[in-house]
Amino acid sequence: MTNELIQAVERANSSESLFTAVRELAAAREEEGISTLIKILGYNNPGAAIAAVQGLVELGEIAVPALLEQIDGYDYGARAWSHRALAKIGDPRALDTLIEAALSDFALSVRRAAAKGLGSMNWAKLADEEVLPSQTKALETLLKVSQDPEWVVRYAAVVGLQGLAVSQPEFQPRILEQLTQIIDTDEELIVQARAKLALKQINN
């Protein structure tokens, strides 16, 4: 059955037929379809990419090794979709990849996806002694990324900081201080507004 669904993706000759085939492959939730779903992320078809990301997210942690191995170093669009999938899955095995992308990828769409994901890791999957050091790495990264030149990346960093504050209350004073600084100094009103919302929700 999975082979038939993969073949349908490969035979698709229009945007509409590709989207339909990818959606059906994603809905099957079969491990054999992971590589094909990842390959779709590099196609110039946002609808199909969204369906592929959703399928990968629903497959969850079993998709993570292939996603990490097959991240496209040349196609920033494919990288952005891959990082979006990794961020939504939240598996801590992707932590170092997300950190590197958030700090240094030239594509703002990749940095944005990675920054958002750093605040929503499933830390419970780590051994107890690994949780705080890993969260600390995420925090230091998000504090730096909250000063990114691109406002959409700074916005994503605020979202990430809020998520991290909820999962690790020990970090709240430092995060609240950073959010206050963003409110006072960021040049974009939308980033200021998101920081105000984060501040309010953390304090509630």
N, C-alpha and C. Protein backbone atom coordinates (compact mmCIF):
# COMPACT_ATOMS: atom_id res chain seq x y z
N MET A 1 0.83 -1.21 0.00
CA MET A 1 0.00 0.00 0.00
C MET A 1 0.86 1.26 0.00
N THR A 2 1.89 1.27 0.88
CA THR A 2 2.76 2.44 0.95
C THR A 2 3.49 2.66 -0.37
N ASN A 3 3.95 1.56 -1.00
CA ASN A 3 4.64 1.69 -2.28
C ASN A 3 3.74 2.34 -3.33
N GLU A 4 2.47 1.98 -3.32
CA GLU A 4 1.53 2.57 -4.28
C GLU A 4 1.38 4.06 -4.04
N LEU A 5 1.34 4.46 -2.77
CA LEU A 5 1.21 5.87 -2.43
C LEU A 5 2.46 6.64 -2.84
N ILE A 6 3.63 6.04 -2.63
CA ILE A 6 4.89 6.67 -3.04
C ILE A 6 4.93 6.82 -4.56
N GLN A 7 4.52 5.78 -5.26
CA GLN A 7 4.50 5.84 -6.72
C GLN A 7 3.54 6.92 -7.21
N ALA A 8 2.43 7.10 -6.51
CA ALA A 8 1.48 8.15 -6.89
C ALA A 8 2.12 9.52 -6.76
N VAL A 9 2.93 9.71 -5.73
CA VAL A 9 3.66 10.98 -5.57
C VAL A 9 4.62 11.17 -6.72
N GLU A 10 5.35 10.12 -7.05
CA GLU A 10 6.36 10.22 -8.11
C GLU A 10 5.73 10.42 -9.49
N ARG A 11 4.51 9.95 -9.67
CA ARG A 11 3.84 10.09 -10.97
C ARG A 11 3.10 11.41 -11.12
N ALA A 12 2.91 12.12 -10.03
CA ALA A 12 2.11 13.35 -10.08
C ALA A 12 2.69 14.33 -11.10
N ASN A 13 1.82 14.87 -11.94
CA ASN A 13 2.28 15.76 -13.02
C ASN A 13 1.66 17.15 -12.95
N SER A 14 1.09 17.49 -11.81
CA SER A 14 0.55 18.83 -11.61
C SER A 14 0.61 19.16 -10.13
N SER A 15 0.50 20.43 -9.80
CA SER A 15 0.53 20.83 -8.39
C SER A 15 -0.60 20.19 -7.62
N GLU A 16 -1.78 20.13 -8.26
CA GLU A 16 -2.95 19.58 -7.59
C GLU A 16 -2.80 18.08 -7.33
N SER A 17 -2.32 17.36 -8.35
CA SER A 17 -2.18 15.91 -8.18
C SER A 17 -1.07 15.59 -7.19
N LEU A 18 -0.01 16.42 -7.17
CA LEU A 18 1.06 16.21 -6.20
C LEU A 18 0.54 16.43 -4.78
N PHE A 19 -0.20 17.50 -4.59
CA PHE A 19 -0.75 17.79 -3.26
C PHE A 19 -1.62 16.64 -2.78
N THR A 20 -2.50 16.15 -3.65
CA THR A 20 -3.39 15.05 -3.28
C THR A 20 -2.60 13.80 -2.92
N ALA A 21 -1.58 13.49 -3.74
CA ALA A 21 -0.79 12.28 -3.50
C ALA A 21 0.01 12.39 -2.20
N VAL A 22 0.56 13.56 -1.93
CA VAL A 22 1.34 13.75 -0.70
C VAL A 22 0.42 13.67 0.52
N ARG A 23 -0.74 14.27 0.40
CA ARG A 23 -1.69 14.24 1.52
C ARG A 23 -2.08 12.80 1.85
N GLU A 24 -2.29 11.98 0.82
CA GLU A 24 -2.66 10.59 1.05
C GLU A 24 -1.50 9.79 1.64
N LEU A 25 -0.28 10.07 1.18
CA LEU A 25 0.88 9.40 1.74
C LEU A 25 1.07 9.79 3.20
N ALA A 26 0.90 11.07 3.49
CA ALA A 26 1.04 11.55 4.86
C ALA A 26 -0.01 10.90 5.77
N ALA A 27 -1.22 10.78 5.26
CA ALA A 27 -2.31 10.22 6.06
C ALA A 27 -2.08 8.76 6.41
N ALA A 28 -1.28 8.07 5.60
CA ALA A 28 -1.01 6.64 5.85
C ALA A 28 -0.15 6.44 7.09
N ARG A 29 0.65 7.44 7.44
CA ARG A 29 1.51 7.38 8.63
C ARG A 29 2.37 6.13 8.65
N GLU A 30 3.01 5.86 7.54
CA GLU A 30 3.89 4.69 7.44
C GLU A 30 5.34 5.13 7.40
N GLU A 31 6.19 4.43 8.15
CA GLU A 31 7.61 4.79 8.21
C GLU A 31 8.26 4.74 6.84
N GLU A 32 7.80 3.85 5.99
CA GLU A 32 8.39 3.72 4.65
C GLU A 32 8.21 4.98 3.81
N GLY A 33 7.27 5.82 4.18
CA GLY A 33 7.01 7.03 3.40
C GLY A 33 7.84 8.23 3.82
N ILE A 34 8.64 8.10 4.87
CA ILE A 34 9.34 9.26 5.44
C ILE A 34 10.27 9.90 4.43
N SER A 35 11.11 9.12 3.77
CA SER A 35 12.08 9.70 2.83
C SER A 35 11.39 10.44 1.70
N THR A 36 10.28 9.91 1.23
CA THR A 36 9.54 10.58 0.16
C THR A 36 8.94 11.89 0.66
N LEU A 37 8.39 11.88 1.86
CA LEU A 37 7.84 13.11 2.43
C LEU A 37 8.93 14.18 2.59
N ILE A 38 10.12 13.76 3.00
CA ILE A 38 11.23 14.72 3.14
C ILE A 38 11.64 15.26 1.78
N LYS A 39 11.64 14.40 0.78
CA LYS A 39 12.00 14.83 -0.57
C LYS A 39 11.05 15.91 -1.08
N ILE A 40 9.78 15.80 -0.71
CA ILE A 40 8.77 16.77 -1.13
C ILE A 40 9.09 18.17 -0.62
N LEU A 41 9.78 18.26 0.52
CA LEU A 41 10.08 19.56 1.11
C LEU A 41 10.94 20.42 0.18
N GLY A 42 11.63 19.78 -0.75
CA GLY A 42 12.47 20.51 -1.68
C GLY A 42 11.77 20.88 -2.98
N TYR A 43 10.51 20.45 -3.12
CA TYR A 43 9.76 20.81 -4.32
C TYR A 43 9.22 22.23 -4.17
N ASN A 44 9.07 22.90 -5.26
CA ASN A 44 8.52 24.26 -5.22
C ASN A 44 7.00 24.20 -5.21
N ASN A 45 6.47 23.64 -4.13
CA ASN A 45 5.03 23.45 -4.01
C ASN A 45 4.65 23.59 -2.53
N PRO A 46 4.33 24.79 -2.09
CA PRO A 46 4.04 25.02 -0.67
C PRO A 46 2.93 24.13 -0.12
N GLY A 47 1.88 23.91 -0.91
CA GLY A 47 0.78 23.08 -0.43
C GLY A 47 1.24 21.67 -0.14
N ALA A 48 2.01 21.10 -1.06
CA ALA A 48 2.54 19.75 -0.85
C ALA A 48 3.50 19.73 0.33
N ALA A 49 4.32 20.78 0.47
CA ALA A 49 5.28 20.84 1.59
C ALA A 49 4.56 20.89 2.92
N ILE A 50 3.48 21.67 3.00
CA ILE A 50 2.71 21.74 4.24
C ILE A 50 2.14 20.36 4.59
N ALA A 51 1.61 19.68 3.58
CA ALA A 51 1.06 18.34 3.81
C ALA A 51 2.16 17.37 4.25
N ALA A 52 3.34 17.50 3.65
CA ALA A 52 4.45 16.62 4.02
C ALA A 52 4.92 16.89 5.44
N VAL A 53 5.01 18.17 5.81
CA VAL A 53 5.41 18.52 7.18
C VAL A 53 4.41 17.95 8.17
N GLN A 54 3.12 18.09 7.87
CA GLN A 54 2.10 17.57 8.77
C GLN A 54 2.23 16.06 8.93
N GLY A 55 2.51 15.39 7.81
CA GLY A 55 2.70 13.95 7.88
C GLY A 55 3.90 13.55 8.72
N LEU A 56 5.00 14.29 8.56
CA LEU A 56 6.19 14.01 9.34
C LEU A 56 5.96 14.27 10.83
N VAL A 57 5.25 15.34 11.13
CA VAL A 57 4.95 15.68 12.52
C VAL A 57 4.08 14.59 13.15
N GLU A 58 3.11 14.10 12.41
CA GLU A 58 2.24 13.05 12.94
C GLU A 58 3.00 11.74 13.14
N LEU A 59 4.00 11.49 12.30
CA LEU A 59 4.84 10.31 12.51
C LEU A 59 5.70 10.47 13.75
N GLY A 60 6.04 11.71 14.06
CA GLY A 60 6.73 12.00 15.31
C GLY A 60 8.19 11.60 15.32
N GLU A 61 8.62 11.06 16.46
CA GLU A 61 10.05 10.86 16.69
C GLU A 61 10.69 9.87 15.72
N ILE A 62 9.93 8.97 15.13
CA ILE A 62 10.55 8.03 14.19
C ILE A 62 11.02 8.74 12.92
N ALA A 63 10.50 9.95 12.66
CA ALA A 63 10.92 10.70 11.49
C ALA A 63 12.17 11.54 11.74
N VAL A 64 12.56 11.70 13.00
CA VAL A 64 13.65 12.62 13.34
C VAL A 64 14.99 12.22 12.76
N PRO A 65 15.45 10.96 12.88
CA PRO A 65 16.77 10.62 12.32
C PRO A 65 16.87 10.92 10.83
N ALA A 66 15.84 10.59 10.07
CA ALA A 66 15.88 10.85 8.63
C ALA A 66 15.86 12.35 8.34
N LEU A 67 15.07 13.10 9.09
CA LEU A 67 15.03 14.55 8.91
C LEU A 67 16.40 15.16 9.16
N LEU A 68 17.06 14.73 10.23
CA LEU A 68 18.38 15.27 10.55
C LEU A 68 19.41 14.89 9.49
N GLU A 69 19.31 13.67 9.01
CA GLU A 69 20.28 13.17 8.03
C GLU A 69 20.09 13.81 6.66
N GLN A 70 18.85 14.13 6.32
CA GLN A 70 18.54 14.57 4.95
C GLN A 70 18.30 16.08 4.83
N ILE A 71 18.67 16.86 5.85
CA ILE A 71 18.52 18.31 5.74
C ILE A 71 19.32 18.81 4.54
N ASP A 72 18.68 19.60 3.71
CA ASP A 72 19.29 20.07 2.46
C ASP A 72 20.20 21.27 2.74
N GLY A 73 21.47 21.10 2.46
CA GLY A 73 22.42 22.18 2.70
C GLY A 73 22.41 23.24 1.62
N TYR A 74 21.70 23.02 0.53
CA TYR A 74 21.73 23.94 -0.61
C TYR A 74 20.40 24.66 -0.83
N ASP A 75 19.31 23.98 -0.55
CA ASP A 75 17.98 24.55 -0.78
C ASP A 75 17.43 25.09 0.54
N TYR A 76 17.46 26.41 0.69
CA TYR A 76 17.04 26.97 1.98
C TYR A 76 15.54 26.79 2.22
N GLY A 77 14.76 26.70 1.14
CA GLY A 77 13.33 26.44 1.31
C GLY A 77 13.09 25.07 1.93
N ALA A 78 13.80 24.06 1.43
CA ALA A 78 13.68 22.71 1.98
C ALA A 78 14.16 22.68 3.43
N ARG A 79 15.25 23.42 3.71
CA ARG A 79 15.76 23.48 5.09
C ARG A 79 14.72 24.09 6.02
N ALA A 80 14.07 25.14 5.55
CA ALA A 80 13.06 25.80 6.40
C ALA A 80 11.94 24.83 6.73
N TRP A 81 11.46 24.10 5.73
CA TRP A 81 10.39 23.13 5.99
C TRP A 81 10.87 22.04 6.94
N SER A 82 12.11 21.56 6.75
CA SER A 82 12.65 20.52 7.62
C SER A 82 12.74 20.99 9.06
N HIS A 83 13.22 22.22 9.25
CA HIS A 83 13.34 22.75 10.60
C HIS A 83 11.96 23.01 11.22
N ARG A 84 11.01 23.35 10.38
CA ARG A 84 9.65 23.51 10.89
C ARG A 84 9.11 22.18 11.41
N ALA A 85 9.37 21.11 10.67
CA ALA A 85 8.93 19.79 11.10
C ALA A 85 9.63 19.38 12.40
N LEU A 86 10.95 19.59 12.45
CA LEU A 86 11.70 19.24 13.66
C LEU A 86 11.20 20.04 14.86
N ALA A 87 10.92 21.32 14.63
CA ALA A 87 10.43 22.18 15.72
C ALA A 87 9.09 21.68 16.25
N LYS A 88 8.21 21.29 15.35
CA LYS A 88 6.89 20.84 15.78
C LYS A 88 6.94 19.48 16.46
N ILE A 89 7.85 18.62 16.02
CA ILE A 89 7.99 17.32 16.68
C ILE A 89 8.56 17.50 18.08
N GLY A 90 9.54 18.41 18.21
CA GLY A 90 10.07 18.75 19.53
C GLY A 90 11.01 17.72 20.14
N ASP A 91 11.56 16.83 19.33
CA ASP A 91 12.47 15.82 19.86
C ASP A 91 13.83 16.46 20.16
N PRO A 92 14.33 16.31 21.40
CA PRO A 92 15.60 16.96 21.77
C PRO A 92 16.81 16.52 20.96
N ARG A 93 16.70 15.43 20.21
CA ARG A 93 17.82 15.03 19.35
C ARG A 93 18.10 16.09 18.29
N ALA A 94 17.12 16.94 18.03
CA ALA A 94 17.29 18.00 17.03
C ALA A 94 17.85 19.29 17.64
N LEU A 95 18.12 19.29 18.94
CA LEU A 95 18.49 20.52 19.63
C LEU A 95 19.70 21.20 19.00
N ASP A 96 20.79 20.47 18.82
CA ASP A 96 22.00 21.08 18.29
C ASP A 96 21.80 21.60 16.87
N THR A 97 21.03 20.87 16.08
CA THR A 97 20.73 21.31 14.71
C THR A 97 19.92 22.60 14.73
N LEU A 98 18.94 22.68 15.61
CA LEU A 98 18.12 23.89 15.71
C LEU A 98 18.95 25.07 16.21
N ILE A 99 19.83 24.82 17.17
CA ILE A 99 20.68 25.89 17.69
C ILE A 99 21.57 26.45 16.59
N GLU A 100 22.22 25.56 15.85
CA GLU A 100 23.11 26.00 14.77
C GLU A 100 22.34 26.81 13.73
N ALA A 101 21.16 26.32 13.38
CA ALA A 101 20.36 27.01 12.37
C ALA A 101 19.89 28.37 12.87
N ALA A 102 19.44 28.44 14.11
CA ALA A 102 18.94 29.70 14.66
C ALA A 102 20.03 30.76 14.70
N LEU A 103 21.26 30.34 14.95
CA LEU A 103 22.36 31.29 15.10
C LEU A 103 23.01 31.68 13.78
N SER A 104 23.06 30.75 12.83
CA SER A 104 23.96 31.00 11.70
C SER A 104 23.41 30.75 10.31
N ASP A 105 22.19 30.21 10.16
CA ASP A 105 21.71 29.99 8.80
C ASP A 105 21.44 31.33 8.13
N PHE A 106 21.83 31.45 6.87
CA PHE A 106 21.66 32.73 6.17
C PHE A 106 20.20 33.03 5.86
N ALA A 107 19.36 31.99 5.83
CA ALA A 107 17.96 32.18 5.46
C ALA A 107 17.12 32.50 6.68
N LEU A 108 16.44 33.63 6.65
CA LEU A 108 15.64 34.03 7.81
C LEU A 108 14.52 33.05 8.10
N SER A 109 13.99 32.39 7.05
CA SER A 109 12.91 31.43 7.27
C SER A 109 13.40 30.23 8.08
N VAL A 110 14.66 29.86 7.89
CA VAL A 110 15.24 28.75 8.64
C VAL A 110 15.50 29.19 10.08
N ARG A 111 16.09 30.37 10.25
CA ARG A 111 16.36 30.88 11.61
C ARG A 111 15.06 31.04 12.39
N ARG A 112 14.02 31.52 11.73
CA ARG A 112 12.73 31.69 12.40
C ARG A 112 12.17 30.36 12.88
N ALA A 113 12.16 29.36 12.01
CA ALA A 113 11.62 28.05 12.38
C ALA A 113 12.41 27.44 13.53
N ALA A 114 13.73 27.57 13.46
CA ALA A 114 14.58 26.99 14.49
C ALA A 114 14.38 27.69 15.84
N ALA A 115 14.31 29.01 15.82
CA ALA A 115 14.14 29.77 17.07
C ALA A 115 12.84 29.41 17.76
N LYS A 116 11.79 29.32 16.99
CA LYS A 116 10.50 28.97 17.58
C LYS A 116 10.55 27.58 18.20
N GLY A 117 11.23 26.67 17.52
CA GLY A 117 11.29 25.29 18.00
C GLY A 117 12.07 25.13 19.29
N LEU A 118 13.04 26.00 19.53
CA LEU A 118 13.86 25.87 20.73
C LEU A 118 13.07 26.08 22.01
N GLY A 119 11.93 26.71 21.90
CA GLY A 119 11.11 26.91 23.09
C GLY A 119 10.08 25.83 23.32
N SER A 120 10.02 24.86 22.42
CA SER A 120 8.96 23.85 22.53
C SER A 120 9.49 22.42 22.45
N MET A 121 10.72 22.23 22.91
CA MET A 121 11.28 20.88 22.95
C MET A 121 10.55 20.03 24.00
N ASN A 122 10.49 18.75 23.72
CA ASN A 122 9.93 17.80 24.69
C ASN A 122 11.06 17.35 25.60
N TRP A 123 11.35 18.18 26.60
CA TRP A 123 12.51 17.94 27.46
C TRP A 123 12.39 16.64 28.25
N ALA A 124 11.19 16.14 28.42
CA ALA A 124 10.99 14.91 29.19
C ALA A 124 11.65 13.70 28.53
N LYS A 125 11.99 13.82 27.26
CA LYS A 125 12.64 12.71 26.56
C LYS A 125 14.13 12.61 26.90
N LEU A 126 14.65 13.63 27.58
CA LEU A 126 16.05 13.60 27.98
C LEU A 126 16.21 12.95 29.36
N ALA A 127 17.39 12.42 29.62
CA ALA A 127 17.71 11.96 30.97
C ALA A 127 17.70 13.16 31.91
N ASP A 128 17.36 12.92 33.17
CA ASP A 128 17.20 14.02 34.12
C ASP A 128 18.42 14.93 34.17
N GLU A 129 19.61 14.35 34.13
CA GLU A 129 20.82 15.15 34.25
C GLU A 129 21.13 15.95 32.98
N GLU A 130 20.45 15.65 31.90
CA GLU A 130 20.69 16.36 30.64
C GLU A 130 19.74 17.53 30.43
N VAL A 131 18.66 17.58 31.21
CA VAL A 131 17.61 18.57 30.95
C VAL A 131 18.11 20.00 31.13
N LEU A 132 18.63 20.32 32.29
CA LEU A 132 19.03 21.70 32.57
C LEU A 132 20.16 22.18 31.65
N PRO A 133 21.22 21.38 31.41
CA PRO A 133 22.25 21.84 30.48
C PRO A 133 21.70 22.09 29.07
N SER A 134 20.79 21.24 28.62
CA SER A 134 20.21 21.41 27.28
C SER A 134 19.32 22.64 27.23
N GLN A 135 18.53 22.84 28.27
CA GLN A 135 17.68 24.03 28.33
C GLN A 135 18.52 25.31 28.40
N THR A 136 19.63 25.22 29.08
CA THR A 136 20.52 26.39 29.18
C THR A 136 21.09 26.75 27.81
N LYS A 137 21.46 25.73 27.03
CA LYS A 137 21.94 25.99 25.67
C LYS A 137 20.86 26.66 24.83
N ALA A 138 19.63 26.18 24.99
CA ALA A 138 18.51 26.79 24.25
C ALA A 138 18.30 28.23 24.68
N LEU A 139 18.38 28.49 25.98
CA LEU A 139 18.20 29.85 26.49
C LEU A 139 19.25 30.80 25.95
N GLU A 140 20.52 30.40 26.04
CA GLU A 140 21.60 31.27 25.55
C GLU A 140 21.43 31.57 24.07
N THR A 141 20.99 30.58 23.33
CA THR A 141 20.77 30.78 21.90
C THR A 141 19.63 31.78 21.65
N LEU A 142 18.53 31.60 22.34
CA LEU A 142 17.37 32.47 22.14
C LEU A 142 17.66 33.90 22.57
N LEU A 143 18.46 34.08 23.61
CA LEU A 143 18.83 35.44 24.02
C LEU A 143 19.61 36.14 22.91
N LYS A 144 20.49 35.39 22.25
CA LYS A 144 21.25 35.97 21.13
C LYS A 144 20.34 36.22 19.93
N VAL A 145 19.49 35.25 19.63
CA VAL A 145 18.64 35.36 18.44
C VAL A 145 17.60 36.46 18.60
N SER A 146 17.27 36.81 19.83
CA SER A 146 16.30 37.89 20.04
C SER A 146 16.86 39.24 19.60
N GLN A 147 18.13 39.26 19.20
CA GLN A 147 18.76 40.48 18.66
C GLN A 147 19.04 40.34 17.16
N ASP A 148 18.44 39.34 16.53
CA ASP A 148 18.65 39.10 15.10
C ASP A 148 18.28 40.34 14.28
N PRO A 149 18.97 40.59 13.16
CA PRO A 149 18.64 41.75 12.33
C PRO A 149 17.22 41.71 11.74
N GLU A 150 16.67 40.51 11.57
CA GLU A 150 15.35 40.38 10.94
C GLU A 150 14.27 40.29 12.01
N TRP A 151 13.24 41.11 11.86
CA TRP A 151 12.21 41.16 12.91
C TRP A 151 11.44 39.85 13.05
N VAL A 152 11.25 39.13 11.93
CA VAL A 152 10.49 37.87 12.02
C VAL A 152 11.24 36.84 12.85
N VAL A 153 12.56 36.91 12.82
CA VAL A 153 13.36 35.99 13.62
C VAL A 153 13.32 36.41 15.09
N ARG A 154 13.39 37.71 15.34
CA ARG A 154 13.28 38.19 16.73
C ARG A 154 11.91 37.83 17.30
N TYR A 155 10.87 37.95 16.50
CA TYR A 155 9.51 37.59 16.92
C TYR A 155 9.48 36.11 17.33
N ALA A 156 10.08 35.25 16.48
CA ALA A 156 10.11 33.81 16.78
C ALA A 156 10.90 33.53 18.05
N ALA A 157 11.97 34.31 18.27
CA ALA A 157 12.76 34.14 19.49
C ALA A 157 11.94 34.47 20.73
N VAL A 158 11.09 35.48 20.63
CA VAL A 158 10.22 35.83 21.76
C VAL A 158 9.28 34.67 22.05
N VAL A 159 8.72 34.08 21.01
CA VAL A 159 7.84 32.91 21.19
C VAL A 159 8.62 31.78 21.86
N GLY A 160 9.85 31.55 21.39
CA GLY A 160 10.68 30.52 21.99
C GLY A 160 11.01 30.80 23.44
N LEU A 161 11.32 32.06 23.76
CA LEU A 161 11.62 32.42 25.15
C LEU A 161 10.41 32.20 26.06
N GLN A 162 9.23 32.51 25.56
CA GLN A 162 8.03 32.29 26.36
C GLN A 162 7.85 30.80 26.64
N GLY A 163 8.02 29.98 25.63
CA GLY A 163 7.89 28.54 25.82
C GLY A 163 8.90 28.00 26.82
N LEU A 164 10.13 28.51 26.74
CA LEU A 164 11.18 28.05 27.64
C LEU A 164 10.90 28.50 29.07
N ALA A 165 10.35 29.70 29.23
CA ALA A 165 10.01 30.20 30.57
C ALA A 165 8.96 29.32 31.23
N VAL A 166 8.05 28.81 30.44
CA VAL A 166 6.99 27.94 30.98
C VAL A 166 7.57 26.58 31.40
N SER A 167 8.47 26.04 30.57
CA SER A 167 9.01 24.71 30.85
C SER A 167 10.10 24.73 31.91
N GLN A 168 10.77 25.88 32.10
CA GLN A 168 11.84 25.98 33.10
C GLN A 168 11.68 27.28 33.89
N PRO A 169 10.88 27.26 34.96
CA PRO A 169 10.63 28.47 35.75
C PRO A 169 11.91 29.12 36.29
N GLU A 170 12.95 28.33 36.45
CA GLU A 170 14.23 28.87 36.94
C GLU A 170 14.77 29.97 36.02
N PHE A 171 14.40 29.89 34.76
CA PHE A 171 14.90 30.86 33.78
C PHE A 171 14.06 32.14 33.72
N GLN A 172 12.93 32.15 34.40
CA GLN A 172 11.98 33.25 34.21
C GLN A 172 12.56 34.64 34.50
N PRO A 173 13.32 34.85 35.58
CA PRO A 173 13.85 36.20 35.80
C PRO A 173 14.69 36.72 34.62
N ARG A 174 15.55 35.85 34.10
CA ARG A 174 16.39 36.27 32.98
C ARG A 174 15.57 36.52 31.71
N ILE A 175 14.58 35.66 31.48
CA ILE A 175 13.73 35.83 30.30
C ILE A 175 12.86 37.07 30.43
N LEU A 176 12.32 37.31 31.61
CA LEU A 176 11.49 38.51 31.81
C LEU A 176 12.32 39.78 31.61
N GLU A 177 13.56 39.73 32.05
CA GLU A 177 14.45 40.88 31.85
C GLU A 177 14.68 41.13 30.35
N GLN A 178 14.88 40.04 29.60
CA GLN A 178 15.11 40.18 28.16
C GLN A 178 13.86 40.69 27.45
N LEU A 179 12.71 40.18 27.84
CA LEU A 179 11.46 40.63 27.23
C LEU A 179 11.22 42.11 27.50
N THR A 180 11.53 42.55 28.71
CA THR A 180 11.38 43.96 29.04
C THR A 180 12.30 44.82 28.19
N GLN A 181 13.52 44.33 27.97
CA GLN A 181 14.45 45.07 27.12
C GLN A 181 13.93 45.15 25.69
N ILE A 182 13.36 44.06 25.21
CA ILE A 182 12.81 44.05 23.85
C ILE A 182 11.67 45.07 23.73
N ILE A 183 10.82 45.09 24.73
CA ILE A 183 9.69 46.04 24.73
C ILE A 183 10.21 47.48 24.67
N ASP A 184 11.30 47.73 25.36
CA ASP A 184 11.83 49.10 25.46
C ASP A 184 12.66 49.51 24.25
N THR A 185 13.27 48.53 23.57
CA THR A 185 14.27 48.91 22.57
C THR A 185 14.02 48.41 21.15
N ASP A 186 13.19 47.36 20.97
CA ASP A 186 13.03 46.84 19.61
C ASP A 186 12.36 47.88 18.72
N GLU A 187 12.83 47.96 17.50
CA GLU A 187 12.35 49.00 16.59
C GLU A 187 11.03 48.64 15.92
N GLU A 188 10.60 47.38 16.06
CA GLU A 188 9.36 46.94 15.41
C GLU A 188 8.24 46.80 16.46
N LEU A 189 7.14 47.49 16.21
CA LEU A 189 6.03 47.45 17.16
C LEU A 189 5.47 46.05 17.33
N ILE A 190 5.48 45.25 16.26
CA ILE A 190 4.91 43.91 16.34
C ILE A 190 5.75 43.01 17.25
N VAL A 191 7.05 43.22 17.26
CA VAL A 191 7.91 42.45 18.16
C VAL A 191 7.70 42.91 19.60
N GLN A 192 7.59 44.22 19.78
CA GLN A 192 7.29 44.75 21.11
C GLN A 192 5.98 44.18 21.65
N ALA A 193 4.98 44.15 20.78
CA ALA A 193 3.66 43.66 21.19
C ALA A 193 3.72 42.18 21.58
N ARG A 194 4.49 41.41 20.81
CA ARG A 194 4.59 39.97 21.14
C ARG A 194 5.33 39.77 22.44
N ALA A 195 6.33 40.61 22.71
CA ALA A 195 7.06 40.53 23.97
C ALA A 195 6.15 40.91 25.14
N LYS A 196 5.29 41.89 24.94
CA LYS A 196 4.35 42.27 26.00
C LYS A 196 3.39 41.13 26.30
N LEU A 197 2.92 40.47 25.25
CA LEU A 197 2.03 39.33 25.44
C LEU A 197 2.73 38.21 26.19
N ALA A 198 3.97 37.93 25.81
CA ALA A 198 4.74 36.88 26.49
C ALA A 198 4.93 37.22 27.96
N LEU A 199 5.26 38.48 28.22
CA LEU A 199 5.47 38.94 29.60
C LEU A 199 4.20 38.74 30.43
N LYS A 200 3.08 39.11 29.85
CA LYS A 200 1.79 38.98 30.55
C LYS A 200 1.46 37.51 30.82
N GLN A 201 1.65 36.66 29.82
CA GLN A 201 1.28 35.26 29.97
C GLN A 201 2.22 34.52 30.93
N ILE A 202 3.48 34.90 30.94
CA ILE A 202 4.41 34.27 31.89
C ILE A 202 4.07 34.65 33.32
N ASN A 203 3.67 35.90 33.51
CA ASN A 203 3.37 36.40 34.85
C ASN A 203 2.03 35.93 35.38
N ASN A 204 1.16 35.46 34.51
CA ASN A 204 -0.18 35.01 34.96
C ASN A 204 -0.10 33.65 35.64
